Structure formats: C-alpha cells, structure tokens
Amino acid sequence: MSEPLAVGEHVADFTLPSHLGEDVRLYDYLGADGKNVVLFFYPLDWTPV
C-alpha cells in the first residue's frame, strides 16, 4: 500500500472515462486561477459491477 498524499502535494496527471464515456483529464481542471479538485471513488456505487 502506498503512503497518502500530503496536503498541497502535487499528483501525476491522469485521464479517466466519465460516466458518459468521455475522457476526463485531471490537469484540465487544475490551473493558476486557484481551482481545487476533490476525487471520490465509490466502488460498486451506482455501477453495474
């Protein structure tokens, strides 16, 4: 298991499919305008798995 990120630590860019099947890239939501991104992962929540 990896160590959790520290507050303010930078993460690597990644791309994931949205629920609409479109690619969503993390760095498209980050910027100099002070945007923050919060990710939640809910395994098996509202999915056909």
PDB file of N, CA and C in Angstrom:
ATOM      1  N   MET A   1       0.838  -1.167   0.000  1.00  0.00           N
ATOM      2  CA  MET A   1       0.000   0.000   0.000  1.00  0.00           C
ATOM      3  C   MET A   1       0.888   1.237   0.000  1.00  0.00           C
ATOM      4  N   SER A   2       0.514   2.247  -0.740  1.00  0.00           N
ATOM      5  CA  SER A   2       1.314   3.467  -0.816  1.00  0.00           C
ATOM      6  C   SER A   2       0.941   4.436   0.303  1.00  0.00           C
ATOM      7  N   GLU A   3       1.795   5.393   0.504  1.00  0.00           N
ATOM      8  CA  GLU A   3       1.566   6.424   1.514  1.00  0.00           C
ATOM      9  C   GLU A   3       0.549   7.439   0.992  1.00  0.00           C
ATOM     10  N   PRO A   4      -0.287   7.986   1.857  1.00  0.00           N
ATOM     11  CA  PRO A   4      -1.231   9.018   1.412  1.00  0.00           C
ATOM     12  C   PRO A   4      -0.497  10.297   1.029  1.00  0.00           C
ATOM     13  N   LEU A   5      -1.122  11.090   0.192  1.00  0.00           N
ATOM     14  CA  LEU A   5      -0.541  12.371  -0.209  1.00  0.00           C
ATOM     15  C   LEU A   5      -0.633  13.363   0.934  1.00  0.00           C
ATOM     16  N   ALA A   6       0.371  14.204   1.015  1.00  0.00           N
ATOM     17  CA  ALA A   6       0.347  15.281   2.000  1.00  0.00           C
ATOM     18  C   ALA A   6      -0.456  16.450   1.431  1.00  0.00           C
ATOM     19  N   VAL A   7      -1.007  17.274   2.297  1.00  0.00           N
ATOM     20  CA  VAL A   7      -1.749  18.447   1.861  1.00  0.00           C
ATOM     21  C   VAL A   7      -0.838  19.323   1.019  1.00  0.00           C
ATOM     22  N   GLY A   8      -1.301  19.704  -0.171  1.00  0.00           N
ATOM     23  CA  GLY A   8      -0.536  20.556  -1.065  1.00  0.00           C
ATOM     24  C   GLY A   8       0.418  19.813  -1.979  1.00  0.00           C
ATOM     25  N   GLU A   9       0.526  18.500  -1.820  1.00  0.00           N
ATOM     26  CA  GLU A   9       1.426  17.709  -2.655  1.00  0.00           C
ATOM     27  C   GLU A   9       0.844  17.576  -4.063  1.00  0.00           C
ATOM     28  N   HIS A  10       1.699  17.654  -5.068  1.00  0.00           N
ATOM     29  CA  HIS A  10       1.260  17.541  -6.459  1.00  0.00           C
ATOM     30  C   HIS A  10       1.144  16.077  -6.851  1.00  0.00           C
ATOM     31  N   VAL A  11       0.202  15.789  -7.701  1.00  0.00           N
ATOM     32  CA  VAL A  11      -0.010  14.424  -8.188  1.00  0.00           C
ATOM     33  C   VAL A  11       0.270  14.365  -9.683  1.00  0.00           C
ATOM     34  N   ALA A  12       0.492  13.167 -10.172  1.00  0.00           N
ATOM     35  CA  ALA A  12       0.707  12.972 -11.603  1.00  0.00           C
ATOM     36  C   ALA A  12      -0.609  13.159 -12.355  1.00  0.00           C
ATOM     37  N   ASP A  13      -0.520  13.655 -13.569  1.00  0.00           N
ATOM     38  CA  ASP A  13      -1.704  13.811 -14.409  1.00  0.00           C
ATOM     39  C   ASP A  13      -2.236  12.433 -14.795  1.00  0.00           C
ATOM     40  N   PHE A  14      -3.544  12.318 -14.952  1.00  0.00           N
ATOM     41  CA  PHE A  14      -4.138  11.071 -15.422  1.00  0.00           C
ATOM     42  C   PHE A  14      -5.442  11.375 -16.142  1.00  0.00           C
ATOM     43  N   THR A  15      -5.883  10.416 -16.920  1.00  0.00           N
ATOM     44  CA  THR A  15      -7.136  10.525 -17.664  1.00  0.00           C
ATOM     45  C   THR A  15      -8.000   9.313 -17.332  1.00  0.00           C
ATOM     46  N   LEU A  16      -9.284   9.568 -17.075  1.00  0.00           N
ATOM     47  CA  LEU A  16     -10.244   8.510 -16.770  1.00  0.00           C
ATOM     48  C   LEU A  16     -11.513   8.743 -17.585  1.00  0.00           C
ATOM     49  N   PRO A  17     -12.254   7.681 -17.886  1.00  0.00           N
ATOM     50  CA  PRO A  17     -13.522   7.872 -18.583  1.00  0.00           C
ATOM     51  C   PRO A  17     -14.602   8.350 -17.614  1.00  0.00           C
ATOM     52  N   SER A  18     -15.439   9.259 -18.092  1.00  0.00           N
ATOM     53  CA  SER A  18     -16.565   9.731 -17.283  1.00  0.00           C
ATOM     54  C   SER A  18     -17.726   8.746 -17.410  1.00  0.00           C
ATOM     55  N   HIS A  19     -18.784   8.996 -16.685  1.00  0.00           N
ATOM     56  CA  HIS A  19     -19.973   8.151 -16.783  1.00  0.00           C
ATOM     57  C   HIS A  19     -20.648   8.283 -18.146  1.00  0.00           C
ATOM     58  N   LEU A  20     -20.252   9.305 -18.909  1.00  0.00           N
ATOM     59  CA  LEU A  20     -20.783   9.497 -20.258  1.00  0.00           C
ATOM     60  C   LEU A  20     -19.883   8.881 -21.327  1.00  0.00           C
ATOM     61  N   GLY A  21     -18.756   8.270 -20.882  1.00  0.00           N
ATOM     62  CA  GLY A  21     -17.828   7.658 -21.822  1.00  0.00           C
ATOM     63  C   GLY A  21     -16.811   8.621 -22.402  1.00  0.00           C
ATOM     64  N   GLU A  22     -16.795   9.851 -21.917  1.00  0.00           N
ATOM     65  CA  GLU A  22     -15.837  10.847 -22.394  1.00  0.00           C
ATOM     66  C   GLU A  22     -14.607  10.838 -21.493  1.00  0.00           C
ATOM     67  N   ASP A  23     -13.432  11.077 -22.087  1.00  0.00           N
ATOM     68  CA  ASP A  23     -12.210  11.149 -21.298  1.00  0.00           C
ATOM     69  C   ASP A  23     -12.159  12.447 -20.505  1.00  0.00           C
ATOM     70  N   VAL A  24     -11.794  12.338 -19.234  1.00  0.00           N
ATOM     71  CA  VAL A  24     -11.653  13.490 -18.349  1.00  0.00           C
ATOM     72  C   VAL A  24     -10.219  13.478 -17.840  1.00  0.00           C
ATOM     73  N   ARG A  25      -9.510  14.579 -18.065  1.00  0.00           N
ATOM     74  CA  ARG A  25      -8.104  14.680 -17.681  1.00  0.00           C
ATOM     75  C   ARG A  25      -7.975  15.579 -16.458  1.00  0.00           C
ATOM     76  N   LEU A  26      -7.249  15.108 -15.445  1.00  0.00           N
ATOM     77  CA  LEU A  26      -7.083  15.862 -14.211  1.00  0.00           C
ATOM     78  C   LEU A  26      -6.543  17.260 -14.478  1.00  0.00           C
ATOM     79  N   TYR A  27      -5.488  17.379 -15.243  1.00  0.00           N
ATOM     80  CA  TYR A  27      -4.834  18.677 -15.431  1.00  0.00           C
ATOM     81  C   TYR A  27      -5.702  19.676 -16.191  1.00  0.00           C
ATOM     82  N   ASP A  28      -6.779  19.213 -16.836  1.00  0.00           N
ATOM     83  CA  ASP A  28      -7.713  20.147 -17.475  1.00  0.00           C
ATOM     84  C   ASP A  28      -8.489  20.940 -16.434  1.00  0.00           C
ATOM     85  N   TYR A  29      -8.525  20.445 -15.196  1.00  0.00           N
ATOM     86  CA  TYR A  29      -9.277  21.102 -14.137  1.00  0.00           C
ATOM     87  C   TYR A  29      -8.396  21.865 -13.157  1.00  0.00           C
ATOM     88  N   LEU A  30      -7.090  21.768 -13.319  1.00  0.00           N
ATOM     89  CA  LEU A  30      -6.167  22.496 -12.457  1.00  0.00           C
ATOM     90  C   LEU A  30      -5.706  23.746 -13.185  1.00  0.00           C
ATOM     91  N   GLY A  31      -5.434  24.792 -12.458  1.00  0.00           N
ATOM     92  CA  GLY A  31      -4.965  25.996 -13.126  1.00  0.00           C
ATOM     93  C   GLY A  31      -4.513  27.050 -12.148  1.00  0.00           C
ATOM     94  N   ALA A  32      -4.001  28.133 -12.701  1.00  0.00           N
ATOM     95  CA  ALA A  32      -3.477  29.236 -11.904  1.00  0.00           C
ATOM     96  C   ALA A  32      -4.598  30.029 -11.240  1.00  0.00           C
ATOM     97  N   ASP A  33      -5.852  29.751 -11.585  1.00  0.00           N
ATOM     98  CA  ASP A  33      -6.972  30.501 -11.002  1.00  0.00           C
ATOM     99  C   ASP A  33      -7.384  29.954  -9.635  1.00  0.00           C
ATOM    100  N   GLY A  34      -6.587  29.051  -9.079  1.00  0.00           N
ATOM    101  CA  GLY A  34      -6.839  28.568  -7.732  1.00  0.00           C
ATOM    102  C   GLY A  34      -7.841  27.441  -7.619  1.00  0.00           C
ATOM    103  N   LYS A  35      -8.150  26.790  -8.723  1.00  0.00           N
ATOM    104  CA  LYS A  35      -9.097  25.687  -8.679  1.00  0.00           C
ATOM    105  C   LYS A  35      -8.547  24.538  -7.841  1.00  0.00           C
ATOM    106  N   ASN A  36      -9.417  23.908  -7.094  1.00  0.00           N
ATOM    107  CA  ASN A  36      -9.084  22.694  -6.361  1.00  0.00           C
ATOM    108  C   ASN A  36      -9.883  21.546  -6.949  1.00  0.00           C
ATOM    109  N   VAL A  37      -9.342  20.360  -6.878  1.00  0.00           N
ATOM    110  CA  VAL A  37     -10.023  19.171  -7.368  1.00  0.00           C
ATOM    111  C   VAL A  37     -10.105  18.169  -6.230  1.00  0.00           C
ATOM    112  N   VAL A  38     -11.301  17.632  -6.007  1.00  0.00           N
ATOM    113  CA  VAL A  38     -11.508  16.593  -5.000  1.00  0.00           C
ATOM    114  C   VAL A  38     -12.032  15.366  -5.730  1.00  0.00           C
ATOM    115  N   LEU A  39     -11.385  14.232  -5.519  1.00  0.00           N
ATOM    116  CA  LEU A  39     -11.792  12.991  -6.163  1.00  0.00           C
ATOM    117  C   LEU A  39     -12.384  12.045  -5.128  1.00  0.00           C
ATOM    118  N   PHE A  40     -13.496  11.459  -5.484  1.00  0.00           N
ATOM    119  CA  PHE A  40     -14.119  10.436  -4.646  1.00  0.00           C
ATOM    120  C   PHE A  40     -14.253   9.174  -5.474  1.00  0.00           C
ATOM    121  N   PHE A  41     -13.900   8.057  -4.906  1.00  0.00           N
ATOM    122  CA  PHE A  41     -14.048   6.770  -5.574  1.00  0.00           C
ATOM    123  C   PHE A  41     -14.972   5.906  -4.727  1.00  0.00           C
ATOM    124  N   TYR A  42     -16.098   5.534  -5.302  1.00  0.00           N
ATOM    125  CA  TYR A  42     -17.072   4.694  -4.622  1.00  0.00           C
ATOM    126  C   TYR A  42     -17.150   3.354  -5.347  1.00  0.00           C
ATOM    127  N   PRO A  43     -16.437   2.348  -4.888  1.00  0.00           N
ATOM    128  CA  PRO A  43     -16.533   1.056  -5.553  1.00  0.00           C
ATOM    129  C   PRO A  43     -17.954   0.495  -5.459  1.00  0.00           C
ATOM    130  N   LEU A  44     -18.448   0.058  -6.568  1.00  0.00           N
ATOM    131  CA  LEU A  44     -19.766  -0.582  -6.678  1.00  0.00           C
ATOM    132  C   LEU A  44     -20.938   0.356  -6.405  1.00  0.00           C
ATOM    133  N   ASP A  45     -20.704   1.642  -6.298  1.00  0.00           N
ATOM    134  CA  ASP A  45     -21.771   2.589  -6.015  1.00  0.00           C
ATOM    135  C   ASP A  45     -22.365   3.086  -7.338  1.00  0.00           C
ATOM    136  N   TRP A  46     -23.586   2.738  -7.609  1.00  0.00           N
ATOM    137  CA  TRP A  46     -24.307   3.108  -8.830  1.00  0.00           C
ATOM    138  C   TRP A  46     -23.608   2.579 -10.086  1.00  0.00           C
ATOM    139  N   THR A  47     -22.983   1.435  -9.980  1.00  0.00           N
ATOM    140  CA  THR A  47     -22.331   0.837 -11.142  1.00  0.00           C
ATOM    141  C   THR A  47     -22.908  -0.557 -11.370  1.00  0.00           C
ATOM    142  N   PRO A  48     -22.779  -1.053 -12.584  1.00  0.00           N
ATOM    143  CA  PRO A  48     -23.300  -2.395 -12.879  1.00  0.00           C
ATOM    144  C   PRO A  48     -22.359  -3.514 -12.425  1.00  0.00           C
ATOM    145  N   VAL A  49     -21.335  -3.199 -11.653  1.00  0.00           N
ATOM    146  CA  VAL A  49     -20.369  -4.215 -11.224  1.00  0.00           C
ATOM    147  C   VAL A  49     -20.938  -5.028 -10.084  1.00  0.00           C
TER     148      VAL A  49
END
